[in-house]
Amino acid sequence: MQKIELKENSGFMEFGRIPHHIYYETNSESFEDLSEKSPAIYKLTPNLLNILLDQTNNKSSLEKDYSLSIWIHKSVPRNYIDNIMFHELKEAELVLVDKLDQKSAHKLAVKFEEKYIKEFYGLEKLAELYMWRKKNINNY
């Protein structure tokens, strides 16, 4: 299992089997699909990194034309950002690569996130996360 270590509030990364450049932004302001009660979201967005790096490349493919973009709301405590990012990455991988529907992918991503927390932080942090989710997030 890959530990998520974000050194900046935004940047590019790679993860698992996801075939796209991955852009992330933590400490994000609210917008239509992102808020304190729905604090993380991913979407396929135009691949600005590819456009900037190689404007002469005329090849077209889904991997080259799009980035996976992930936003985490500014209300998320710093000590939960990496596991929430892991959840979003895993959910996106299940949807984009394994072709699961969103609801099934989310349920599986929750299980993977819990395993991630147990492996890297232990049961105490998992219990804290359960309490934080229950108090702060709509879909738990």
Protein backbone atom coordinates (compact mmCIF):
# COMPACT_ATOMS: atom_id res chain seq x y z
CA MET A 1 0.00 0.00 0.00
CA GLN A 2 1.32 3.41 -1.00
CA LYS A 3 1.56 6.06 1.76
CA ILE A 4 0.45 9.48 0.63
CA GLU A 5 2.96 12.22 1.44
CA LEU A 6 1.97 15.64 0.15
CA LYS A 7 4.68 18.25 0.55
CA GLU A 8 2.67 21.17 -0.83
CA ASN A 9 -0.97 22.31 -0.79
CA SER A 10 -1.14 21.65 -4.52
CA GLY A 11 0.81 19.80 -7.16
CA PHE A 12 0.97 16.76 -9.40
CA MET A 13 1.46 13.14 -8.40
CA GLU A 14 1.04 9.55 -9.57
CA PHE A 15 -0.93 6.80 -7.89
CA GLY A 16 -1.55 3.13 -8.48
CA ARG A 17 -3.10 2.23 -11.82
CA ILE A 18 -4.57 5.64 -12.60
CA PRO A 19 -3.48 6.40 -16.19
CA HIS A 20 -3.81 10.19 -15.92
CA HIS A 21 -1.67 12.96 -14.49
CA ILE A 22 -3.10 13.62 -11.05
CA TYR A 23 -3.48 17.20 -9.87
CA TYR A 24 -4.32 17.78 -6.21
CA GLU A 25 -5.24 20.79 -4.15
CA THR A 26 -5.70 20.77 -0.39
CA ASN A 27 -6.95 23.72 1.65
CA SER A 28 -9.52 24.45 -1.09
CA GLU A 29 -12.32 26.95 -0.76
CA SER A 30 -15.92 25.79 -1.16
CA PHE A 31 -17.42 25.47 -4.64
CA GLU A 32 -20.43 23.71 -6.14
CA ASP A 33 -19.41 20.14 -5.19
CA LEU A 34 -17.01 20.88 -2.32
CA SER A 35 -17.90 22.05 1.17
CA GLU A 36 -17.35 21.33 4.87
CA LYS A 37 -19.98 18.56 4.71
CA SER A 38 -18.68 17.15 1.42
CA PRO A 39 -14.95 17.84 1.91
CA ALA A 40 -13.31 15.97 -0.96
CA ILE A 41 -14.03 15.45 -4.63
CA TYR A 42 -12.32 14.22 -7.78
CA LYS A 43 -13.08 14.94 -11.43
CA LEU A 44 -11.51 14.49 -14.83
CA THR A 45 -10.36 17.91 -16.01
CA PRO A 46 -8.42 19.18 -19.06
CA ASN A 47 -4.79 18.12 -18.80
CA LEU A 48 -3.06 21.46 -18.37
CA LEU A 49 0.24 19.82 -17.43
CA ASN A 50 0.39 18.02 -20.76
CA ILE A 51 -0.52 21.19 -22.66
CA LEU A 52 2.24 23.13 -20.90
CA LEU A 53 4.90 20.44 -21.33
CA ASP A 54 4.25 19.45 -24.94
CA GLN A 55 2.20 21.83 -27.04
CA THR A 56 3.45 20.26 -30.27
CA ASN A 57 2.19 16.75 -29.52
CA ASN A 58 -0.84 16.10 -31.71
CA LYS A 59 -1.59 12.65 -30.27
CA SER A 60 -4.96 12.37 -28.62
CA SER A 61 -5.95 9.87 -25.96
CA LEU A 62 -8.01 9.97 -22.80
CA GLU A 63 -4.83 9.70 -20.71
CA LYS A 64 -3.20 12.65 -22.49
CA ASP A 65 -6.26 14.87 -22.78
CA TYR A 66 -7.36 14.73 -19.14
CA SER A 67 -5.98 14.94 -15.62
CA LEU A 68 -7.57 13.49 -12.55
CA SER A 69 -8.06 16.51 -10.28
CA ILE A 70 -8.69 16.12 -6.56
CA TRP A 71 -9.73 18.87 -4.17
CA ILE A 72 -9.82 18.67 -0.38
CA HIS A 73 -11.71 21.35 1.52
CA LYS A 74 -9.88 23.73 3.84
CA SER A 75 -11.99 22.50 6.80
CA VAL A 76 -10.29 19.07 6.78
CA PRO A 77 -7.81 18.83 9.67
CA ARG A 78 -4.21 18.50 8.51
CA ASN A 79 -3.84 15.08 10.17
CA TYR A 80 -6.64 13.60 7.98
CA ILE A 81 -5.57 14.97 4.60
CA ASP A 82 -3.40 12.04 3.54
CA ASN A 83 -5.99 9.36 4.30
CA ILE A 84 -8.77 11.38 2.67
CA MET A 85 -6.52 11.85 -0.37
CA PHE A 86 -5.88 8.09 -0.37
CA HIS A 87 -9.66 7.50 -0.26
CA GLU A 88 -10.27 9.80 -3.25
CA LEU A 89 -7.42 8.26 -5.24
CA LYS A 90 -8.59 4.72 -4.54
CA GLU A 91 -12.21 5.58 -5.39
CA ALA A 92 -11.12 7.21 -8.66
CA GLU A 93 -8.98 4.18 -9.51
CA LEU A 94 -11.93 1.85 -8.92
CA VAL A 95 -14.19 3.98 -11.14
CA LEU A 96 -11.73 4.84 -13.92
CA VAL A 97 -9.74 1.61 -14.15
CA ASP A 98 -12.01 -1.10 -12.76
CA LYS A 99 -15.19 0.54 -14.12
CA LEU A 100 -17.13 0.27 -10.85
CA ASP A 101 -20.11 2.53 -10.32
CA GLN A 102 -19.59 5.50 -8.01
CA LYS A 103 -21.55 4.10 -5.05
CA SER A 104 -19.75 0.73 -5.08
CA ALA A 105 -16.38 2.41 -5.55
CA HIS A 106 -17.05 4.72 -2.59
CA LYS A 107 -17.95 1.81 -0.29
CA LEU A 108 -14.80 -0.07 -1.28
CA ALA A 109 -12.67 3.07 -0.94
CA VAL A 110 -13.91 3.46 2.65
CA LYS A 111 -12.67 -0.06 3.42
CA PHE A 112 -9.31 0.63 1.74
CA GLU A 113 -9.00 3.92 3.66
CA GLU A 114 -9.63 2.13 6.95
CA LYS A 115 -6.95 -0.44 6.07
CA TYR A 116 -4.59 2.42 5.15
CA ILE A 117 -5.12 4.11 8.53
CA LYS A 118 -4.62 0.86 10.45
CA GLU A 119 -1.39 0.13 8.57
CA PHE A 120 0.20 3.57 8.85
CA TYR A 121 -1.34 5.04 12.03
CA GLY A 122 -3.14 2.43 14.12
CA LEU A 123 -6.58 1.92 15.62
CA GLU A 124 -6.57 5.09 17.72
CA LYS A 125 -6.47 7.34 14.65
CA LEU A 126 -9.15 5.19 13.00
CA ALA A 127 -11.45 5.73 16.01
CA GLU A 128 -10.76 9.48 15.84
CA LEU A 129 -11.57 9.49 12.13
CA TYR A 130 -14.90 7.71 12.74
CA MET A 131 -15.88 10.42 15.22
CA TRP A 132 -14.79 13.23 12.89
CA ARG A 133 -16.65 11.69 9.92
CA LYS A 134 -19.84 11.21 11.93
CA LYS A 135 -19.76 14.82 13.11
CA ASN A 136 -18.61 16.51 9.90
CA ILE A 137 -19.36 14.56 6.71
CA ASN A 138 -22.72 14.01 5.00
CA ASN A 139 -22.25 10.60 3.39
CA TYR A 140 -21.00 8.57 6.38
